[in-house]
Amino acid sequence: MWAIRFLSLLLLSLASKGCLGQSTAAIRGNVTEAELDTFRLFAEYTAAAYCNKSPERVSQKIVCSSDACPLIEAHETTIVATLDDDGDRAGGYIALDSTAESIVVAFHGTITAAGYVADLNAFLQDDDLCEGCQIHAGFRSIWAAIDEVVMDTVEKLHSEYPDYSIFITGHSMGAAVATIAGANLRQKLPDVVIDVYSLGSPRVGNQAFAKYVSAQPGSVFRITHVNDPVPRLPPNLLGYYHTDVEYWLSTGGATTIDYTANDVLVCKGYFNRNCNTQSDFFGFAFVAHINYLTSVGACKE
């Protein structure tokens, strides 16, 4: 059943292509090698969410099997809390990285049947985050199940480590939850610049939500990979828009993880057809969704 609905969403995505809005040109060369190195770092934080999510990992160092996060393993890290909702839909961790002087919240993508059900609950629901804000019902329900532990833990860590930067990162459904988490944490800690690193995120909310989140202090680095189909869903025709700005890993194949800064195209706007969304209906590869500067799900438990 979920497969049929997923196909219908893809068909709607095709139907909506070219219907709405103007796209600014994609820009090559706007990303430095240092920025790309930061993208790699957060890709590994995110990959680590797949294998550092169990409660037994609390107080332990972040480690990954299958060479999924060597950069993070070289840092001095401590997992402070793990994240899970009662329905086994979301997961991840909150960690201190004393090497990078950072507080990191990381969410993995969909790995359970309950998670797939949440993915497909694509009705837009009103949210009091901003006037007119509407958010994907499934993603919103996952955030509601874990928001208290995230908000309280990050606020406590910030009070103990006021000079540490705060970052939120996630992959797939986890990227959607990371976007919502970042928006809410920015409201709770208005004097703190909080950046979000989003890998292969679906669209999360309506245009009011996308504009509000994009205008908050801090950045949403929304990273997409060649013809990954997930960032094209839910379709724009249903009222969904992306946050600004998109960083498209535009060259190579679906399994490519080694990129240079010149391979990254930058697309501005909330519905830009010049980066990942330009690919036609038949030009998608699901394997592109699990390769974001590392094999994101390689250490999946």
Protein backbone atom coordinates (compact mmCIF):
# COMPACT_ATOMS: atom_id res chain seq x y z
CA MET A 1 0.00 0.00 0.00
CA TRP A 2 2.74 2.49 0.93
CA ALA A 3 4.48 1.75 -2.38
CA ILE A 4 1.33 2.64 -4.32
CA ARG A 5 0.99 5.89 -2.45
CA PHE A 6 4.68 6.66 -2.96
CA LEU A 7 4.26 6.12 -6.71
CA SER A 8 1.27 8.44 -6.72
CA LEU A 9 3.36 11.12 -5.05
CA LEU A 10 6.04 10.68 -7.70
CA LEU A 11 3.41 11.07 -10.40
CA LEU A 12 2.15 14.23 -8.75
CA SER A 13 5.72 15.47 -8.57
CA LEU A 14 6.05 14.95 -12.31
CA ALA A 15 2.76 16.71 -12.91
CA SER A 16 3.83 19.69 -10.82
CA LYS A 17 7.15 20.10 -12.59
CA GLY A 18 7.26 23.46 -14.27
CA CYS A 19 3.90 24.58 -12.92
CA LEU A 20 4.89 27.03 -10.25
CA GLY A 21 7.38 29.82 -9.82
CA GLN A 22 10.55 30.98 -11.52
CA SER A 23 13.95 29.42 -10.87
CA THR A 24 17.14 31.39 -10.45
CA ALA A 25 20.20 30.04 -12.20
CA ALA A 26 22.31 27.40 -10.52
CA ILE A 27 25.73 28.74 -9.51
CA ARG A 28 28.94 26.74 -9.62
CA GLY A 29 31.97 27.83 -7.62
CA ASN A 30 30.16 29.40 -4.65
CA VAL A 31 31.30 26.66 -2.27
CA THR A 32 34.86 26.52 -0.96
CA GLU A 33 36.81 23.35 -0.22
CA ALA A 34 36.66 24.27 3.48
CA GLU A 35 32.87 24.46 3.32
CA LEU A 36 32.74 21.11 1.53
CA ASP A 37 34.91 19.64 4.30
CA THR A 38 32.31 20.89 6.78
CA PHE A 39 29.58 19.19 4.73
CA ARG A 40 31.59 15.95 5.01
CA LEU A 41 31.92 16.35 8.75
CA PHE A 42 28.17 16.69 9.19
CA ALA A 43 27.47 13.86 6.77
CA GLU A 44 29.48 11.69 9.17
CA TYR A 45 27.71 13.03 12.27
CA THR A 46 24.51 12.05 10.50
CA ALA A 47 25.77 8.63 9.45
CA ALA A 48 26.67 8.02 13.09
CA ALA A 49 23.02 8.49 14.07
CA TYR A 50 22.24 5.10 12.50
CA CYS A 51 24.49 3.24 14.96
CA ASN A 52 24.66 5.45 18.06
CA LYS A 53 20.97 5.68 18.88
CA SER A 54 20.48 3.03 21.57
CA PRO A 55 20.32 4.13 25.23
CA GLU A 56 23.43 2.05 25.97
CA ARG A 57 25.46 4.55 23.96
CA VAL A 58 24.90 7.39 26.46
CA SER A 59 28.19 8.61 28.00
CA GLN A 60 30.12 6.77 25.28
CA LYS A 61 32.24 8.09 22.44
CA ILE A 62 30.71 8.18 18.95
CA VAL A 63 31.91 5.17 16.96
CA CYS A 64 30.82 3.71 13.63
CA SER A 65 31.26 0.39 11.90
CA SER A 66 31.96 0.09 8.16
CA ASP A 67 34.18 3.21 8.19
CA ALA A 68 31.08 5.41 8.19
CA CYS A 69 32.46 8.24 10.36
CA PRO A 70 36.29 8.30 10.57
CA LEU A 71 36.40 12.09 10.92
CA ILE A 72 34.08 11.99 13.93
CA GLU A 73 35.89 9.05 15.50
CA ALA A 74 39.04 11.20 15.49
CA HIS A 75 37.26 13.79 17.67
CA GLU A 76 36.73 13.70 21.41
CA THR A 77 32.99 13.15 21.63
CA THR A 78 30.50 12.15 24.30
CA ILE A 79 26.92 11.07 23.65
CA VAL A 80 24.74 12.91 26.17
CA ALA A 81 21.33 11.57 25.14
CA THR A 82 19.81 9.25 22.57
CA LEU A 83 16.58 10.00 20.76
CA ASP A 84 13.68 7.70 20.09
CA ASP A 85 9.94 8.18 19.97
CA ASP A 86 7.51 5.59 21.31
CA GLY A 87 6.52 4.51 17.82
CA ASP A 88 10.11 3.64 16.82
CA ARG A 89 9.93 6.16 13.98
CA ALA A 90 12.78 8.55 14.77
CA GLY A 91 16.22 8.08 16.24
CA GLY A 92 19.53 9.75 16.80
CA TYR A 93 21.63 11.32 19.50
CA ILE A 94 22.74 14.53 21.17
CA ALA A 95 26.50 14.75 21.65
CA LEU A 96 29.26 17.02 22.86
CA ASP A 97 32.27 17.35 20.58
CA SER A 98 35.05 18.90 22.64
CA THR A 99 37.43 18.86 19.66
CA ALA A 100 35.13 21.03 17.56
CA GLU A 101 33.60 22.75 20.63
CA SER A 102 30.14 21.84 19.41
CA ILE A 103 26.80 20.55 20.60
CA VAL A 104 25.42 18.28 17.89
CA VAL A 105 21.91 16.88 17.47
CA ALA A 106 21.76 14.19 14.78
CA PHE A 107 18.78 12.27 13.34
CA HIS A 108 18.85 9.18 11.14
CA GLY A 109 16.39 8.52 8.33
CA THR A 110 13.55 6.05 7.99
CA ILE A 111 14.44 2.49 9.03
CA THR A 112 11.16 1.01 10.33
CA ALA A 113 7.66 0.37 8.99
CA ALA A 114 6.34 2.96 11.44
CA GLY A 115 8.77 5.47 9.97
CA TYR A 116 7.50 4.78 6.46
CA VAL A 117 3.94 5.34 7.65
CA ALA A 118 4.99 8.71 9.07
CA ASP A 119 6.71 9.58 5.77
CA LEU A 120 3.48 8.99 3.90
CA ASN A 121 1.31 11.03 6.25
CA ALA A 122 1.83 14.00 3.97
CA PHE A 123 -1.10 16.19 4.99
CA LEU A 124 -0.11 19.73 5.92
CA GLN A 125 -0.99 20.67 9.50
CA ASP A 126 -1.12 24.14 11.03
CA ASP A 127 1.76 24.91 13.39
CA ASP A 128 2.23 27.86 15.72
CA LEU A 129 5.91 28.22 14.79
CA CYS A 130 4.92 31.19 12.63
CA GLU A 131 1.84 32.85 11.21
CA GLY A 132 0.54 30.65 8.42
CA CYS A 133 3.08 27.90 9.03
CA GLN A 134 2.03 24.40 8.01
CA ILE A 135 4.17 21.28 8.45
CA HIS A 136 4.02 17.71 7.12
CA ALA A 137 1.81 15.84 9.61
CA GLY A 138 4.06 12.80 9.90
CA PHE A 139 7.26 14.77 10.50
CA ARG A 140 5.44 17.08 12.89
CA SER A 141 4.18 14.13 14.97
CA ILE A 142 7.69 12.71 15.25
CA TRP A 143 9.05 16.04 16.44
CA ALA A 144 6.22 16.33 18.98
CA ALA A 145 7.27 12.98 20.46
CA ILE A 146 10.89 14.02 21.07
CA ASP A 147 10.82 17.81 21.27
CA GLU A 148 10.97 17.97 25.07
CA VAL A 149 14.15 15.92 25.41
CA VAL A 150 15.83 17.78 22.55
CA MET A 151 14.89 21.25 23.76
CA ASP A 152 15.69 20.60 27.42
CA THR A 153 18.96 18.78 26.76
CA VAL A 154 20.29 21.37 24.32
CA GLU A 155 19.29 24.24 26.60
CA LYS A 156 21.06 22.58 29.53
CA LEU A 157 24.20 21.88 27.51
CA HIS A 158 24.23 25.45 26.20
CA SER A 159 24.11 26.78 29.77
CA GLU A 160 27.04 24.53 30.71
CA TYR A 161 29.02 25.16 27.52
CA PRO A 162 28.00 28.67 26.41
CA ASP A 163 30.92 29.01 23.99
CA TYR A 164 30.10 25.80 22.10
CA SER A 165 28.36 26.11 18.74
CA ILE A 166 25.05 24.29 18.25
CA PHE A 167 24.37 22.24 15.12
CA ILE A 168 21.44 20.10 14.01
CA THR A 169 21.85 17.52 11.27
CA GLY A 170 19.87 14.69 9.72
CA HIS A 171 19.33 12.44 6.73
CA SER A 172 16.08 11.79 4.83
CA MET A 173 13.17 11.86 7.29
CA GLY A 174 15.77 12.77 9.91
CA ALA A 175 16.69 15.82 7.84
CA ALA A 176 13.05 16.90 7.91
CA VAL A 177 12.94 16.48 11.69
CA ALA A 178 16.28 18.32 11.97
CA THR A 179 14.80 21.26 10.06
CA ILE A 180 11.84 21.43 12.45
CA ALA A 181 14.12 20.99 15.46
CA GLY A 182 16.41 23.77 14.31
CA ALA A 183 13.52 26.17 13.82
CA ASN A 184 12.15 25.50 17.30
CA LEU A 185 15.56 25.66 19.00
CA ARG A 186 16.22 29.02 17.36
CA GLN A 187 13.01 30.31 18.92
CA LYS A 188 13.97 28.92 22.33
CA LEU A 189 17.54 30.26 22.14
CA PRO A 190 17.09 33.47 20.12
CA ASP A 191 20.57 34.80 20.87
CA VAL A 192 22.30 31.68 19.53
CA VAL A 193 23.09 31.11 15.87
CA ILE A 194 22.09 27.50 15.09
CA ASP A 195 22.98 25.94 11.75
CA VAL A 196 21.17 22.96 10.24
CA TYR A 197 22.82 20.46 7.89
CA SER A 198 20.19 18.59 5.92
CA LEU A 199 21.04 15.58 3.73
CA GLY A 200 18.47 14.33 1.23
CA SER A 201 15.57 16.03 2.95
CA PRO A 202 12.03 15.78 1.63
CA ARG A 203 10.03 19.00 1.60
CA VAL A 204 8.92 19.76 5.15
CA GLY A 205 6.21 22.40 5.03
CA ASN A 206 4.40 25.11 3.13
CA GLN A 207 5.87 28.31 1.76
CA ALA A 208 5.25 30.25 4.98
CA PHE A 209 7.24 27.64 6.89
CA ALA A 210 10.05 27.56 4.31
CA LYS A 211 10.36 31.34 4.28
CA TYR A 212 10.26 31.62 8.07
CA VAL A 213 12.94 28.98 8.65
CA SER A 214 15.16 30.39 5.89
CA ALA A 215 14.96 33.87 7.43
CA GLN A 216 15.90 32.79 10.97
CA PRO A 217 19.44 33.50 12.25
CA GLY A 218 21.71 30.68 11.17
CA SER A 219 21.71 28.71 7.94
CA VAL A 220 20.00 25.62 6.60
CA PHE A 221 22.55 23.86 4.39
CA ARG A 222 20.18 21.70 2.37
CA ILE A 223 22.38 19.20 0.55
CA THR A 224 21.05 17.04 -2.29
CA HIS A 225 22.75 14.35 -4.39
CA VAL A 226 22.48 13.91 -8.17
CA ASN A 227 19.08 12.30 -8.92
CA ASP A 228 18.01 11.36 -5.39
CA PRO A 229 14.18 11.32 -5.63
CA VAL A 230 13.41 12.06 -1.97
CA PRO A 231 14.04 15.85 -2.13
CA ARG A 232 11.32 16.06 -4.81
CA LEU A 233 8.69 14.82 -2.35
CA PRO A 234 6.07 15.63 -1.22
CA PRO A 235 5.31 17.38 -4.51
CA ASN A 236 5.04 21.13 -4.79
CA LEU A 237 1.52 20.62 -6.17
CA LEU A 238 0.41 19.70 -2.63
CA GLY A 239 1.61 23.05 -1.27
CA TYR A 240 5.11 22.01 -0.21
CA TYR A 241 8.25 24.13 -0.55
CA HIS A 242 11.90 23.69 0.36
CA THR A 243 14.00 25.91 2.58
CA ASP A 244 16.59 28.12 0.93
CA VAL A 245 19.49 27.34 -0.09
CA GLU A 246 20.14 24.02 -1.91
CA TYR A 247 23.65 22.61 -2.36
CA TRP A 248 23.51 20.00 -5.11
CA LEU A 249 26.23 17.35 -5.45
CA SER A 250 25.68 17.43 -9.17
CA THR A 251 28.30 15.22 -10.82
CA GLY A 252 29.29 11.59 -10.65
CA GLY A 253 26.95 8.67 -10.20
CA ALA A 254 24.49 7.60 -7.56
CA THR A 255 27.22 5.90 -5.51
CA THR A 256 29.76 8.74 -5.78
CA ILE A 257 30.87 10.14 -2.42
CA ASP A 258 34.10 11.93 -3.41
CA TYR A 259 33.41 15.46 -4.60
CA THR A 260 35.29 18.72 -5.08
CA ALA A 261 33.85 22.14 -4.35
CA ASN A 262 33.45 22.76 -8.07
CA ASP A 263 31.07 19.79 -8.28
CA VAL A 264 28.56 21.56 -6.03
CA LEU A 265 25.86 23.69 -7.64
CA VAL A 266 24.07 26.26 -5.50
CA CYS A 267 20.37 26.93 -6.11
CA LYS A 268 18.53 29.69 -4.29
CA GLY A 269 14.82 29.88 -3.65
CA TYR A 270 12.00 27.73 -2.33
CA PHE A 271 11.17 25.90 -5.56
CA ASN A 272 14.15 25.92 -7.90
CA ARG A 273 14.15 23.56 -10.89
CA ASN A 274 17.83 24.01 -11.72
CA CYS A 275 19.35 21.63 -9.16
CA ASN A 276 18.03 18.26 -7.92
CA THR A 277 14.46 19.00 -9.04
CA GLN A 278 15.52 19.38 -12.68
CA SER A 279 15.80 15.61 -13.15
CA ASP A 280 12.82 14.19 -14.98
CA PHE A 281 10.44 11.54 -13.65
CA PHE A 282 12.44 8.60 -14.96
CA GLY A 283 15.78 10.07 -13.92
CA PHE A 284 15.94 9.02 -10.31
CA ALA A 285 18.09 6.56 -8.39
CA PHE A 286 17.23 5.47 -4.86
CA VAL A 287 20.86 4.51 -4.23
CA ALA A 288 21.77 8.20 -4.57
CA HIS A 289 19.73 8.76 -1.43
CA ILE A 290 22.09 6.75 0.78
CA ASN A 291 25.34 8.24 -0.51
CA TYR A 292 26.00 11.74 0.79
CA LEU A 293 29.78 12.30 1.00
CA THR A 294 29.85 9.00 2.88
CA SER A 295 27.74 5.86 2.83
CA VAL A 296 25.18 7.36 5.18
CA GLY A 297 23.50 4.15 6.33
CA ALA A 298 26.61 1.95 6.33
CA CYS A 299 26.62 1.38 10.09
CA LYS A 300 22.86 0.90 10.40
CA GLU A 301 21.99 -1.26 13.42
